[in-house]
Amino acid sequence: MARITSKKLTDQTADRLFQMIISDPELCPGSKLPNETELCALFGVSRTTVREAVRFLAAQGYVEVRRGLGTFVAPRTTISQDIGLPQLETVQVRLQDLFEIRLMIEPTTAMLACHRGTQEELDHIFHCADEVARRIRSGRDWDSADVDFHHAFVAASHNQFMEQLVPILNRAVTSTWRMVGSYPSLPDMVIQDNALITSFLRNRDPQGTRLAMESHLRRTIRVLEFGDSSVLSLL
């Protein structure tokens, strides 16, 4: 139940931040938003909640996150009053379907990240992978860390369309995970797969990175289809 509450809190925070953007005359296109600490204090929520809310608004095109500079109101001429948060709550989709879409997109995104990513961006990916492993091993919730790991590949790919699309998919995946329950075998599999993906990335091997990401997604789909007993099966 706490996980569902957290999900709703992220939506509420995104909605409140959006309302602040459209109602504050000083927040015109190109204006810088308050920093993360200030937003946490303003809305009374955690850094993770603020980050997820900002990421969602960025995926919708309402804000821009500029690494090292902050978050800015996007240069849009008009902004709709309804960003569709209530509708997201009612979308019903199979988790397997979402991973099949990711399978079409993320291996190529990983390959592009290996080609185009700066060393700083790759180091951020490695940090995210380490954080996923730390949270899993300490028994903490690792959903948001896993989202950060995959989103880091998108940022390093330098593909603006992917920066819009993949966060929406990741958000849908996270929401659906919470509805269908857990798969006990997945955490250990994720640690192993992430280690393989990052090993190819460290060697600047684009094809290896692509294949490792593809293998990870295929193994996850197999678990969703056949359960935990399939996690070690070869695909």
Protein backbone atom coordinates (compact mmCIF):
# COMPACT_ATOMS: atom_id res chain seq x y z
CA MET A 1 0.00 0.00 0.00
CA ALA A 2 2.88 2.37 0.76
CA ARG A 3 4.18 1.92 -2.78
CA ILE A 4 0.83 2.97 -4.25
CA THR A 5 0.77 6.02 -1.99
CA SER A 6 4.27 6.93 -3.19
CA LYS A 7 3.13 6.65 -6.79
CA LYS A 8 0.19 8.98 -6.18
CA LEU A 9 2.48 11.40 -4.35
CA THR A 10 4.71 11.64 -7.42
CA ASP A 11 1.69 12.41 -9.60
CA GLN A 12 0.44 15.00 -7.13
CA THR A 13 3.86 16.64 -7.01
CA ALA A 14 4.08 16.76 -10.81
CA ASP A 15 0.62 18.31 -10.96
CA ARG A 16 1.46 20.92 -8.30
CA LEU A 17 4.71 21.82 -10.03
CA PHE A 18 2.89 22.14 -13.35
CA GLN A 19 0.26 24.39 -11.78
CA MET A 20 3.04 26.52 -10.29
CA ILE A 21 4.61 26.91 -13.74
CA ILE A 22 1.41 28.03 -15.45
CA SER A 23 0.22 30.30 -12.62
CA ASP A 24 3.43 32.10 -11.64
CA PRO A 25 3.97 35.06 -14.02
CA GLU A 26 7.69 35.04 -13.23
CA LEU A 27 8.07 31.50 -14.56
CA CYS A 28 8.01 32.35 -18.24
CA PRO A 29 9.56 30.06 -20.91
CA GLY A 30 13.29 29.78 -20.28
CA SER A 31 13.01 30.66 -16.58
CA LYS A 32 14.88 28.53 -14.08
CA LEU A 33 12.82 26.61 -11.54
CA PRO A 34 13.71 26.45 -7.83
CA ASN A 35 16.41 23.90 -7.15
CA GLU A 36 15.73 20.38 -5.91
CA THR A 37 16.19 21.24 -2.23
CA GLU A 38 13.82 24.19 -2.51
CA LEU A 39 11.17 22.11 -4.29
CA CYS A 40 11.43 19.42 -1.60
CA ALA A 41 10.80 22.04 1.07
CA LEU A 42 8.04 23.72 -0.94
CA PHE A 43 6.05 20.53 -1.54
CA GLY A 44 7.09 18.63 1.59
CA VAL A 45 8.30 15.58 -0.34
CA SER A 46 11.54 13.63 -0.82
CA ARG A 47 14.22 14.23 -3.44
CA THR A 48 13.19 11.03 -5.22
CA THR A 49 9.61 12.26 -5.53
CA VAL A 50 10.76 15.63 -6.88
CA ARG A 51 13.09 13.97 -9.39
CA GLU A 52 10.37 11.65 -10.69
CA ALA A 53 7.91 14.55 -10.96
CA VAL A 54 10.44 16.68 -12.87
CA ARG A 55 11.31 13.74 -15.12
CA PHE A 56 7.64 13.27 -15.98
CA LEU A 57 7.16 16.95 -16.82
CA ALA A 58 10.34 16.86 -18.91
CA ALA A 59 8.98 13.87 -20.83
CA GLN A 60 5.82 15.87 -21.53
CA GLY A 61 7.92 18.77 -22.82
CA TYR A 62 7.00 21.26 -20.10
CA VAL A 63 10.44 21.59 -18.51
CA GLU A 64 14.03 21.05 -19.60
CA VAL A 65 16.69 19.53 -17.35
CA ARG A 66 20.12 20.91 -18.19
CA ARG A 67 22.92 18.94 -16.58
CA GLY A 68 24.89 21.08 -14.16
CA LEU A 69 22.60 24.08 -14.63
CA GLY A 70 19.20 23.11 -13.28
CA THR A 71 15.63 22.75 -14.51
CA PHE A 72 14.04 25.36 -16.78
CA VAL A 73 10.57 26.06 -18.12
CA ALA A 74 10.49 24.76 -21.69
CA PRO A 75 10.27 27.33 -24.52
CA ARG A 76 6.68 26.49 -25.43
CA THR A 77 4.25 29.01 -26.91
CA THR A 78 1.21 27.42 -25.23
CA ILE A 79 0.77 24.96 -22.39
CA SER A 80 -2.33 22.84 -21.96
CA GLN A 81 -4.05 23.07 -18.59
CA ASP A 82 -4.39 19.28 -18.46
CA ILE A 83 -1.25 17.14 -18.60
CA GLY A 84 -3.18 13.90 -18.41
CA LEU A 85 -2.18 12.68 -14.94
CA PRO A 86 -5.65 11.31 -14.09
CA GLN A 87 -5.74 9.34 -17.35
CA LEU A 88 -2.46 7.63 -16.52
CA GLU A 89 -4.11 6.09 -13.47
CA THR A 90 -6.70 4.29 -15.61
CA VAL A 91 -4.45 2.91 -18.35
CA GLN A 92 -4.46 -0.90 -18.33
CA VAL A 93 -1.57 -2.56 -20.14
CA ARG A 94 0.29 -5.83 -19.79
CA LEU A 95 3.76 -5.49 -18.32
CA GLN A 96 5.02 -7.91 -20.96
CA ASP A 97 3.74 -5.57 -23.70
CA LEU A 98 5.67 -2.66 -22.20
CA PHE A 99 8.88 -4.68 -22.09
CA GLU A 100 8.38 -5.74 -25.70
CA ILE A 101 8.25 -2.06 -26.67
CA ARG A 102 11.38 -1.44 -24.62
CA LEU A 103 13.03 -4.35 -26.43
CA MET A 104 12.45 -2.51 -29.71
CA ILE A 105 14.02 0.70 -28.42
CA GLU A 106 16.49 0.33 -25.56
CA PRO A 107 19.17 -1.94 -27.09
CA THR A 108 19.71 0.62 -29.86
CA THR A 109 19.62 3.42 -27.30
CA ALA A 110 22.34 1.62 -25.32
CA MET A 111 24.43 1.23 -28.48
CA LEU A 112 24.09 4.95 -29.24
CA ALA A 113 25.05 5.80 -25.67
CA CYS A 114 28.20 3.74 -26.08
CA HIS A 115 29.00 5.55 -29.34
CA ARG A 116 28.08 9.09 -28.31
CA GLY A 117 28.24 9.31 -24.54
CA THR A 118 30.91 11.40 -22.87
CA GLN A 119 33.05 9.79 -20.20
CA GLU A 120 31.13 11.79 -17.60
CA GLU A 121 27.85 10.38 -18.90
CA LEU A 122 29.20 6.83 -18.88
CA ASP A 123 30.49 7.32 -15.33
CA HIS A 124 26.97 8.36 -14.37
CA ILE A 125 25.61 5.12 -15.85
CA PHE A 126 28.15 3.13 -13.83
CA HIS A 127 27.14 5.03 -10.69
CA CYS A 128 23.46 4.26 -11.35
CA ALA A 129 24.23 0.55 -11.80
CA ASP A 130 26.12 0.53 -8.50
CA GLU A 131 23.20 2.26 -6.78
CA VAL A 132 20.75 -0.36 -8.08
CA ALA A 133 22.97 -3.12 -6.69
CA ARG A 134 23.40 -1.35 -3.33
CA ARG A 135 19.66 -0.94 -2.88
CA ILE A 136 18.90 -4.52 -3.82
CA ARG A 137 21.56 -5.93 -1.49
CA SER A 138 20.38 -3.76 1.40
CA GLY A 139 16.75 -4.78 0.88
CA ARG A 140 15.62 -1.29 -0.08
CA ASP A 141 13.23 -0.31 -2.85
CA TRP A 142 15.19 -0.17 -6.10
CA ASP A 143 12.53 0.85 -8.65
CA SER A 144 13.59 4.49 -8.93
CA ALA A 145 17.29 3.57 -9.10
CA ASP A 146 16.56 1.18 -11.96
CA VAL A 147 14.65 3.92 -13.79
CA ASP A 148 17.64 6.24 -13.31
CA PHE A 149 19.96 3.56 -14.73
CA HIS A 150 17.95 3.17 -17.93
CA HIS A 151 17.32 6.90 -18.26
CA ALA A 152 21.07 7.53 -18.04
CA PHE A 153 21.48 5.59 -21.29
CA VAL A 154 18.88 7.81 -22.92
CA ALA A 155 20.72 10.96 -21.85
CA ALA A 156 24.01 9.56 -23.15
CA SER A 157 22.43 8.64 -26.50
CA HIS A 158 21.89 12.35 -27.27
CA ASN A 159 18.65 11.54 -29.07
CA GLN A 160 16.00 14.12 -28.17
CA PHE A 161 13.07 11.94 -29.22
CA MET A 162 14.26 9.13 -26.97
CA GLU A 163 14.54 11.61 -24.12
CA GLN A 164 10.82 12.25 -24.53
CA LEU A 165 9.68 8.67 -25.13
CA VAL A 166 11.66 6.40 -22.82
CA PRO A 167 10.79 8.16 -19.52
CA ILE A 168 7.09 7.70 -20.35
CA LEU A 169 7.66 3.98 -20.94
CA ASN A 170 9.68 3.67 -17.74
CA ARG A 171 6.95 5.42 -15.78
CA ALA A 172 4.34 3.04 -17.19
CA VAL A 173 6.55 0.05 -16.35
CA THR A 174 7.03 1.24 -12.76
CA SER A 175 3.29 1.78 -12.34
CA THR A 176 2.45 -1.65 -13.73
CA TRP A 177 5.09 -3.41 -11.60
CA ARG A 178 3.28 -2.10 -8.55
CA MET A 179 -0.01 -3.61 -9.69
CA VAL A 180 1.18 -7.09 -10.66
CA GLY A 181 3.38 -7.90 -7.67
CA SER A 182 6.97 -9.03 -7.39
CA TYR A 183 9.21 -11.67 -8.94
CA PRO A 184 11.75 -12.80 -6.31
CA SER A 185 14.31 -13.91 -8.89
CA LEU A 186 14.50 -10.56 -10.67
CA PRO A 187 16.71 -8.55 -8.29
CA ASP A 188 19.69 -10.93 -8.57
CA MET A 189 19.16 -11.18 -12.31
CA VAL A 190 19.14 -7.39 -12.62
CA ILE A 191 22.46 -7.11 -10.77
CA GLN A 192 24.04 -9.72 -13.06
CA ASP A 193 22.63 -8.21 -16.24
CA ASN A 194 23.60 -4.66 -15.30
CA ALA A 195 27.14 -5.84 -14.60
CA LEU A 196 27.33 -7.41 -18.06
CA ILE A 197 25.89 -4.32 -19.76
CA THR A 198 28.31 -1.97 -18.03
CA SER A 199 31.29 -4.24 -18.72
CA PHE A 200 30.74 -3.84 -22.47
CA LEU A 201 30.12 -0.13 -21.97
CA ARG A 202 33.44 0.29 -20.12
CA ASN A 203 35.19 -1.26 -23.11
CA ARG A 204 33.33 1.06 -25.50
CA ASP A 205 31.88 -1.97 -27.29
CA PRO A 206 28.63 -0.73 -28.91
CA GLN A 207 27.48 -4.10 -30.25
CA GLY A 208 28.26 -5.85 -26.99
CA THR A 209 26.36 -3.18 -25.06
CA ARG A 210 23.39 -3.52 -27.41
CA LEU A 211 23.31 -7.31 -27.14
CA ALA A 212 23.67 -7.25 -23.34
CA MET A 213 20.75 -4.82 -23.02
CA GLU A 214 18.70 -6.95 -25.41
CA SER A 215 19.51 -10.08 -23.40
CA HIS A 216 18.46 -8.36 -20.17
CA LEU A 217 15.09 -7.33 -21.59
CA ARG A 218 14.47 -10.75 -23.16
CA ARG A 219 15.27 -12.49 -19.87
CA THR A 220 12.86 -10.17 -18.07
CA ILE A 221 10.11 -10.89 -20.60
CA ARG A 222 10.72 -14.61 -20.12
CA VAL A 223 10.25 -14.27 -16.36
CA LEU A 224 7.01 -12.38 -16.96
CA GLU A 225 5.79 -15.15 -19.28
CA PHE A 226 6.91 -18.25 -17.40
CA GLY A 227 7.72 -17.15 -13.85
CA ASP A 228 10.82 -17.18 -11.70
CA SER A 229 11.88 -20.70 -12.69
CA SER A 230 12.81 -19.45 -16.16
CA VAL A 231 15.30 -16.82 -15.04
CA LEU A 232 18.36 -18.93 -15.84
CA SER A 233 17.04 -20.21 -19.16
CA LEU A 234 18.97 -19.38 -22.30
CA LEU A 235 17.09 -17.34 -24.88
